[in-house]
């Protein structure tokens, strides 16, 4: 039995792609973010998912309004 997990892109710009995958929210950066942005992600309960090379959190924790402003707010750290 092959189970497919539904993926839906929520936001995308030149620096990152934010999407849902099953019961998780994910952010995939084009380049590794600097320490200051990593600290901000962890502070908002995102964790590094090494299997997918993304930052992940549970859907109910995802603040999509904040995610849409990452490129502006943290432009020095992307």
Protein backbone atom coordinates (compact mmCIF):
# COMPACT_ATOMS: atom_id res chain seq x y z
CA UNK A 1 0.00 0.00 0.00
CA UNK A 2 1.53 3.28 -1.16
CA UNK A 3 0.29 6.26 0.85
CA UNK A 4 0.77 9.69 -0.70
CA UNK A 5 1.08 12.71 1.54
CA UNK A 6 -0.66 15.79 0.19
CA UNK A 7 1.59 18.82 -0.31
CA UNK A 8 0.25 22.36 -0.72
CA UNK A 9 2.42 25.44 -1.28
CA UNK A 10 1.29 28.28 1.00
CA UNK A 11 3.90 30.92 0.16
CA UNK A 12 6.93 31.22 -2.10
CA UNK A 13 9.46 33.95 -2.87
CA UNK A 14 13.11 34.22 -3.97
CA UNK A 15 14.40 33.04 -0.57
CA UNK A 16 12.05 30.29 0.57
CA UNK A 17 9.11 28.02 -0.09
CA UNK A 18 6.56 27.43 2.67
CA UNK A 19 4.16 24.53 2.34
CA UNK A 20 2.10 21.97 4.17
CA UNK A 21 2.88 18.28 3.98
CA UNK A 22 0.36 16.06 5.71
CA UNK A 23 0.02 17.32 9.29
CA UNK A 24 3.20 19.45 9.15
CA UNK A 25 4.09 22.95 8.01
CA UNK A 26 7.46 23.23 6.27
CA UNK A 27 9.84 25.97 5.18
CA UNK A 28 12.56 25.21 2.65
CA UNK A 29 15.16 27.96 2.26
CA UNK A 30 17.17 28.32 -0.96
CA UNK A 31 20.31 28.86 1.14
CA UNK A 32 21.08 28.01 4.76
CA UNK A 33 19.80 30.84 7.00
CA UNK A 34 22.19 32.54 9.39
CA UNK A 35 22.16 31.95 13.13
CA UNK A 36 19.83 34.87 13.95
CA UNK A 37 17.06 33.48 11.74
CA UNK A 38 17.60 29.96 13.05
CA UNK A 39 17.12 31.29 16.60
CA UNK A 40 13.91 33.03 15.50
CA UNK A 41 12.62 29.81 13.91
CA UNK A 42 13.36 27.77 17.04
CA UNK A 43 11.72 30.45 19.20
CA UNK A 44 8.54 29.96 17.16
CA UNK A 45 8.71 26.16 17.68
CA UNK A 46 10.10 25.21 14.26
CA UNK A 47 12.67 22.38 14.18
CA UNK A 48 15.16 21.16 11.60
CA UNK A 49 13.92 18.14 9.66
CA UNK A 50 17.11 16.60 8.29
CA UNK A 51 15.25 13.95 6.31
CA UNK A 52 13.54 16.60 4.16
CA UNK A 53 16.12 19.40 4.58
CA UNK A 54 13.36 21.72 5.79
CA UNK A 55 12.25 23.55 8.91
CA UNK A 56 9.05 21.96 10.23
CA UNK A 57 6.35 22.49 12.81
CA UNK A 58 2.83 21.27 13.47
CA UNK A 59 0.09 22.92 11.39
CA UNK A 60 -1.62 24.43 14.42
CA UNK A 61 1.65 26.21 15.38
CA UNK A 62 2.36 27.68 11.93
CA UNK A 63 1.97 31.46 11.81
CA UNK A 64 1.67 31.97 8.06
CA UNK A 65 1.53 35.77 8.42
CA UNK A 66 4.97 35.65 10.07
CA UNK A 67 6.30 33.20 7.47
CA UNK A 68 5.26 35.60 4.66
CA UNK A 69 7.40 38.35 6.25
CA UNK A 70 10.59 36.33 6.85
CA UNK A 71 12.31 37.60 3.70
CA UNK A 72 11.66 41.21 4.71
CA UNK A 73 12.25 40.97 8.45
CA UNK A 74 15.33 38.78 8.25
CA UNK A 75 16.79 39.85 4.90
CA UNK A 76 20.28 40.21 6.45
CA UNK A 77 20.16 36.63 7.71
CA UNK A 78 19.00 34.71 4.66
